[in-house]
C-alpha atoms as a PDB file:
ATOM      1  CA  MET A   1      16.748  63.604   3.863  1.00  0.00           C
ATOM      2  CA  PHE A   2      13.691  65.310   5.230  1.00  0.00           C
ATOM      3  CA  LEU A   3      11.430  62.690   3.614  1.00  0.00           C
ATOM      4  CA  HIS A   4      13.571  59.942   5.116  1.00  0.00           C
ATOM      5  CA  VAL A   5      12.995  61.342   8.648  1.00  0.00           C
ATOM      6  CA  ILE A   6       9.266  61.651   8.036  1.00  0.00           C
ATOM      7  CA  TRP A   7       9.152  58.079   6.700  1.00  0.00           C
ATOM      8  CA  LYS A   8      10.972  56.740   9.802  1.00  0.00           C
ATOM      9  CA  SER A   9       8.611  58.705  12.062  1.00  0.00           C
ATOM     10  CA  TYR A  10       5.619  57.256  10.195  1.00  0.00           C
ATOM     11  CA  ILE A  11       6.937  53.675  10.537  1.00  0.00           C
ATOM     12  CA  PHE A  12       7.617  54.208  14.261  1.00  0.00           C
ATOM     13  CA  ALA A  13       4.082  55.585  14.763  1.00  0.00           C
ATOM     14  CA  VAL A  14       2.551  52.599  12.899  1.00  0.00           C
ATOM     15  CA  LYS A  15       4.568  50.112  14.985  1.00  0.00           C
ATOM     16  CA  LEU A  16       3.632  51.911  18.206  1.00  0.00           C
ATOM     17  CA  THR A  17      -0.048  52.007  17.222  1.00  0.00           C
ATOM     18  CA  SER A  18      -0.073  48.332  16.243  1.00  0.00           C
ATOM     19  CA  ASN A  19       1.578  47.428  19.561  1.00  0.00           C
ATOM     20  CA  ILE A  20      -1.071  49.399  21.458  1.00  0.00           C
ATOM     21  CA  VAL A  21      -3.831  47.755  19.418  1.00  0.00           C
ATOM     22  CA  ASN A  22      -2.293  44.309  20.039  1.00  0.00           C
ATOM     23  CA  MET A  23      -2.070  45.020  23.765  1.00  0.00           C
ATOM     24  CA  ALA A  24      -5.677  46.231  23.818  1.00  0.00           C
ATOM     25  CA  ASN A  25      -6.799  43.095  21.922  1.00  0.00           C
ATOM     26  CA  THR A  26      -4.872  40.912  24.373  1.00  0.00           C
ATOM     27  CA  TYR A  27      -6.513  42.617  27.349  1.00  0.00           C
ATOM     28  CA  ILE A  28      -9.942  42.265  25.743  1.00  0.00           C
ATOM     29  CA  ARG A  29      -9.327  38.544  25.183  1.00  0.00           C
ATOM     30  CA  ILE A  30      -8.192  38.043  28.784  1.00  0.00           C
ATOM     31  CA  ILE A  31     -11.197  39.916  30.171  1.00  0.00           C
ATOM     32  CA  SER A  32     -13.543  37.959  27.894  1.00  0.00           C
ATOM     33  CA  LEU A  33     -12.069  34.653  29.076  1.00  0.00           C
ATOM     34  CA  LEU A  34     -12.441  35.703  32.706  1.00  0.00           C
ATOM     35  CA  ILE A  35     -16.075  36.683  32.168  1.00  0.00           C
ATOM     36  CA  LEU A  36     -16.793  33.415  30.351  1.00  0.00           C
ATOM     37  CA  SER A  37     -15.094  31.326  33.023  1.00  0.00           C
ATOM     38  CA  PHE A  38     -17.127  33.012  35.771  1.00  0.00           C
ATOM     39  CA  GLY A  39     -20.264  32.440  33.716  1.00  0.00           C
ATOM     40  CA  PHE A  40     -19.498  28.731  33.357  1.00  0.00           C
ATOM     41  CA  CYS A  41     -18.757  28.444  37.068  1.00  0.00           C
ATOM     42  CA  SER A  42     -22.206  29.759  37.877  1.00  0.00           C
ATOM     43  CA  LEU A  43     -23.763  27.354  35.350  1.00  0.00           C
ATOM     44  CA  ALA A  44     -21.993  24.434  37.007  1.00  0.00           C
ATOM     45  CA  GLN A  45     -23.926  24.918  40.238  1.00  0.00           C
ATOM     46  CA  ALA A  46     -26.651  22.386  40.887  1.00  0.00           C
ATOM     47  CA  GLN A  47     -30.136  23.559  40.022  1.00  0.00           C
ATOM     48  CA  THR A  48     -32.931  23.019  42.506  1.00  0.00           C
ATOM     49  CA  CYS A  49     -36.696  23.088  42.357  1.00  0.00           C
ATOM     50  CA  LYS A  50     -39.455  23.156  44.932  1.00  0.00           C
ATOM     51  CA  VAL A  51     -41.799  20.181  45.232  1.00  0.00           C
ATOM     52  CA  ASN A  52     -45.243  20.534  46.801  1.00  0.00           C
ATOM     53  CA  CYS A  53     -45.405  18.537  50.057  1.00  0.00           C
ATOM     54  CA  GLY A  54     -48.999  19.300  51.027  1.00  0.00           C
ATOM     55  CA  VAL A  55     -50.451  21.706  53.567  1.00  0.00           C
ATOM     56  CA  ASN A  56     -49.135  22.510  57.045  1.00  0.00           C
ATOM     57  CA  HIS A  57     -51.272  22.880  60.190  1.00  0.00           C
ATOM     58  CA  GLU A  58     -51.883  26.575  59.370  1.00  0.00           C
ATOM     59  CA  GLY A  59     -53.302  25.747  55.943  1.00  0.00           C
ATOM     60  CA  CYS A  60     -50.257  27.006  54.026  1.00  0.00           C
ATOM     61  CA  LEU A  61     -48.620  24.996  51.271  1.00  0.00           C
ATOM     62  CA  LYS A  62     -45.377  23.261  52.242  1.00  0.00           C
ATOM     63  CA  TYR A  63     -42.558  22.866  49.779  1.00  0.00           C
ATOM     64  CA  LYS A  64     -39.408  20.786  49.780  1.00  0.00           C
ATOM     65  CA  GLU A  65     -36.335  21.961  47.884  1.00  0.00           C
ATOM     66  CA  VAL A  66     -34.785  19.161  45.827  1.00  0.00           C
ATOM     67  CA  TYR A  67     -32.129  18.942  43.124  1.00  0.00           C
ATOM     68  CA  GLU A  68     -32.927  18.452  39.451  1.00  0.00           C
ATOM     69  CA  TYR A  69     -31.805  15.104  37.999  1.00  0.00           C
ATOM     70  CA  ASP A  70     -29.494  16.571  35.345  1.00  0.00           C
ATOM     71  CA  TYR A  71     -27.612  18.817  37.792  1.00  0.00           C
ATOM     72  CA  VAL A  72     -26.242  16.340  40.345  1.00  0.00           C
ATOM     73  CA  THR A  73     -22.773  14.838  40.051  1.00  0.00           C
ATOM     74  CA  GLU A  74     -23.999  11.277  40.683  1.00  0.00           C
ATOM     75  CA  LYS A  75     -27.527  10.572  39.495  1.00  0.00           C
ATOM     76  CA  PRO A  76     -29.911   8.464  41.584  1.00  0.00           C
ATOM     77  CA  SER A  77     -30.399   4.973  40.197  1.00  0.00           C
ATOM     78  CA  PHE A  78     -32.763   2.049  40.539  1.00  0.00           C
ATOM     79  CA  PRO A  79     -31.031  -0.945  42.158  1.00  0.00           C
ATOM     80  CA  GLY A  80     -29.498  -2.804  39.222  1.00  0.00           C
ATOM     81  CA  GLY A  81     -29.733   0.113  36.773  1.00  0.00           C
ATOM     82  CA  GLU A  82     -32.119   1.273  34.053  1.00  0.00           C
ATOM     83  CA  THR A  83     -32.670  -2.204  32.574  1.00  0.00           C
ATOM     84  CA  LYS A  84     -33.836  -3.572  35.934  1.00  0.00           C
ATOM     85  CA  PHE A  85     -36.067  -0.511  36.337  1.00  0.00           C
ATOM     86  CA  VAL A  86     -37.814  -1.220  33.029  1.00  0.00           C
ATOM     87  CA  ARG A  87     -38.171  -4.905  34.018  1.00  0.00           C
ATOM     88  CA  TYR A  88     -39.646  -3.849  37.358  1.00  0.00           C
ATOM     89  CA  ILE A  89     -42.218  -1.621  35.624  1.00  0.00           C
ATOM     90  CA  ASN A  90     -43.183  -4.338  33.133  1.00  0.00           C
ATOM     91  CA  LYS A  91     -43.465  -6.967  35.868  1.00  0.00           C
ATOM     92  CA  THR A  92     -45.422  -4.772  38.309  1.00  0.00           C
ATOM     93  CA  ARG A  93     -47.742  -3.043  35.828  1.00  0.00           C
ATOM     94  CA  GLU A  94     -51.335  -4.280  35.851  1.00  0.00           C
ATOM     95  CA  TYR A  95     -53.180  -2.769  32.897  1.00  0.00           C
ATOM     96  CA  PRO A  96     -56.595  -1.584  34.180  1.00  0.00           C
ATOM     97  CA  LYS A  97     -59.242  -3.861  32.598  1.00  0.00           C
ATOM     98  CA  GLU A  98     -61.696  -1.128  31.558  1.00  0.00           C
ATOM     99  CA  ALA A  99     -58.949   0.955  29.974  1.00  0.00           C
ATOM    100  CA  TYR A 100     -57.658  -2.132  28.160  1.00  0.00           C
ATOM    101  CA  LYS A 101     -61.167  -2.983  26.854  1.00  0.00           C
ATOM    102  CA  LYS A 102     -61.671   0.592  25.635  1.00  0.00           C
ATOM    103  CA  GLY A 103     -58.265   0.603  23.904  1.00  0.00           C
ATOM    104  CA  ILE A 104     -56.907   3.440  26.049  1.00  0.00           C
ATOM    105  CA  GLU A 105     -53.141   3.571  25.926  1.00  0.00           C
ATOM    106  CA  GLY A 106     -50.344   6.095  26.286  1.00  0.00           C
ATOM    107  CA  ARG A 107     -47.488   7.392  28.403  1.00  0.00           C
ATOM    108  CA  VAL A 108     -48.109   8.661  31.920  1.00  0.00           C
ATOM    109  CA  ILE A 109     -45.296  11.111  32.728  1.00  0.00           C
ATOM    110  CA  CYS A 110     -44.512  10.865  36.443  1.00  0.00           C
ATOM    111  CA  SER A 111     -42.347  12.833  38.798  1.00  0.00           C
ATOM    112  CA  PHE A 112     -41.010  11.566  42.116  1.00  0.00           C
ATOM    113  CA  VAL A 113     -38.295  12.423  44.599  1.00  0.00           C
ATOM    114  CA  VAL A 114     -35.477  10.047  45.486  1.00  0.00           C
ATOM    115  CA  ASN A 115     -34.658  11.214  49.013  1.00  0.00           C
ATOM    116  CA  SER A 116     -31.142  11.318  50.425  1.00  0.00           C
ATOM    117  CA  ASP A 117     -31.780   7.919  52.067  1.00  0.00           C
ATOM    118  CA  GLY A 118     -32.952   6.409  48.740  1.00  0.00           C
ATOM    119  CA  SER A 119     -36.647   6.287  49.663  1.00  0.00           C
ATOM    120  CA  ILE A 120     -39.289   7.484  47.181  1.00  0.00           C
ATOM    121  CA  SER A 121     -41.692  10.332  47.942  1.00  0.00           C
ATOM    122  CA  ASN A 122     -43.713  13.148  46.364  1.00  0.00           C
ATOM    123  CA  ILE A 123     -45.113  11.096  43.477  1.00  0.00           C
ATOM    124  CA  GLN A 124     -46.940  13.306  40.982  1.00  0.00           C
ATOM    125  CA  ILE A 125     -48.467  12.953  37.538  1.00  0.00           C
ATOM    126  CA  LEU A 126     -47.048  15.617  35.228  1.00  0.00           C
ATOM    127  CA  ARG A 127     -49.008  14.498  32.170  1.00  0.00           C
ATOM    128  CA  GLY A 128     -51.653  11.844  32.505  1.00  0.00           C
ATOM    129  CA  VAL A 129     -53.596   9.733  30.047  1.00  0.00           C
ATOM    130  CA  GLU A 130     -56.709   8.551  31.877  1.00  0.00           C
ATOM    131  CA  LYS A 131     -57.550   8.285  35.579  1.00  0.00           C
ATOM    132  CA  SER A 132     -57.133   4.499  35.917  1.00  0.00           C
ATOM    133  CA  LEU A 133     -53.811   4.536  34.029  1.00  0.00           C
ATOM    134  CA  ASN A 134     -52.600   7.483  36.108  1.00  0.00           C
ATOM    135  CA  ASN A 135     -53.509   5.667  39.338  1.00  0.00           C
ATOM    136  CA  GLU A 136     -51.711   2.529  38.149  1.00  0.00           C
ATOM    137  CA  ALA A 137     -48.571   4.549  37.399  1.00  0.00           C
ATOM    138  CA  ILE A 138     -48.679   5.999  40.930  1.00  0.00           C
ATOM    139  CA  ARG A 139     -49.129   2.493  42.365  1.00  0.00           C
ATOM    140  CA  ILE A 140     -46.113   1.177  40.421  1.00  0.00           C
ATOM    141  CA  ILE A 141     -43.857   3.988  41.617  1.00  0.00           C
ATOM    142  CA  SER A 142     -45.070   3.829  45.214  1.00  0.00           C
ATOM    143  CA  LYS A 143     -44.163   0.112  45.409  1.00  0.00           C
ATOM    144  CA  MET A 144     -40.612   0.614  44.102  1.00  0.00           C
ATOM    145  CA  PRO A 145     -37.704  -0.450  46.288  1.00  0.00           C
ATOM    146  CA  ASP A 146     -35.357   2.234  47.595  1.00  0.00           C
ATOM    147  CA  TRP A 147     -32.999   3.692  45.012  1.00  0.00           C
ATOM    148  CA  VAL A 148     -29.308   4.477  45.254  1.00  0.00           C
ATOM    149  CA  PRO A 149     -29.503   8.198  46.136  1.00  0.00           C
ATOM    150  CA  GLY A 150     -28.071  11.013  44.045  1.00  0.00           C
ATOM    151  CA  LYS A 151     -24.953  12.824  45.215  1.00  0.00           C
ATOM    152  CA  ILE A 152     -23.285  16.188  45.007  1.00  0.00           C
ATOM    153  CA  ASP A 153     -19.653  16.357  46.119  1.00  0.00           C
ATOM    154  CA  GLY A 154     -19.998  12.915  47.702  1.00  0.00           C
ATOM    155  CA  HIS A 155     -23.026  13.868  49.847  1.00  0.00           C
ATOM    156  CA  ASN A 156     -26.443  12.248  49.379  1.00  0.00           C
ATOM    157  CA  VAL A 157     -29.090  14.754  48.280  1.00  0.00           C
ATOM    158  CA  PRO A 158     -32.800  14.557  47.394  1.00  0.00           C
ATOM    159  CA  VAL A 159     -33.301  14.491  43.612  1.00  0.00           C
ATOM    160  CA  ARG A 160     -36.434  14.861  41.473  1.00  0.00           C
ATOM    161  CA  VAL A 161     -36.744  12.191  38.790  1.00  0.00           C
ATOM    162  CA  ILE A 162     -39.119  12.368  35.817  1.00  0.00           C
ATOM    163  CA  HIS A 163     -39.957   9.085  34.111  1.00  0.00           C
ATOM    164  CA  PRO A 164     -42.751   7.784  31.846  1.00  0.00           C
ATOM    165  CA  ILE A 165     -44.837   4.700  32.584  1.00  0.00           C
ATOM    166  CA  VAL A 166     -45.989   3.335  29.236  1.00  0.00           C
ATOM    167  CA  PHE A 167     -49.306   1.524  28.685  1.00  0.00           C
ATOM    168  CA  ARG A 168     -49.647  -0.283  25.337  1.00  0.00           C
ATOM    169  CA  LYS A 169     -52.098  -2.964  24.310  1.00  0.00           C
END
């Protein structure tokens, strides 16, 4: 009889302990999910960067805060889409004669801002090939028509775009 009482007490203690452990595990899971969901919410915010806009009248550098291309809800686009953009580049590109004669070729990686009105500004060379090719890439981008601007929550925002201009013989 005595052993029977001890056995029942042991089973009750095991059940109680397992219930406490299960409750603790449940709370840990809930807290983990809350932490993860808050982490993802902060990741979902649009990322910005500062683009050099030159020097102000006091001689200090001026910067413009713009959104990164991958972090806007609607990405800026060339009128007619990516295919028309590539056609525009191929049609507008004039391979510099000296560079062509010397066999210089490569990809000029450019950065530019599509402003909230669709206009293009802040053209920069991130990785150049040769001065004449770099200048031609800047010329191509500066002559582009206005783009469809990028958007966040339905509002037009300035967005930095990075795109290569390829020169091949």
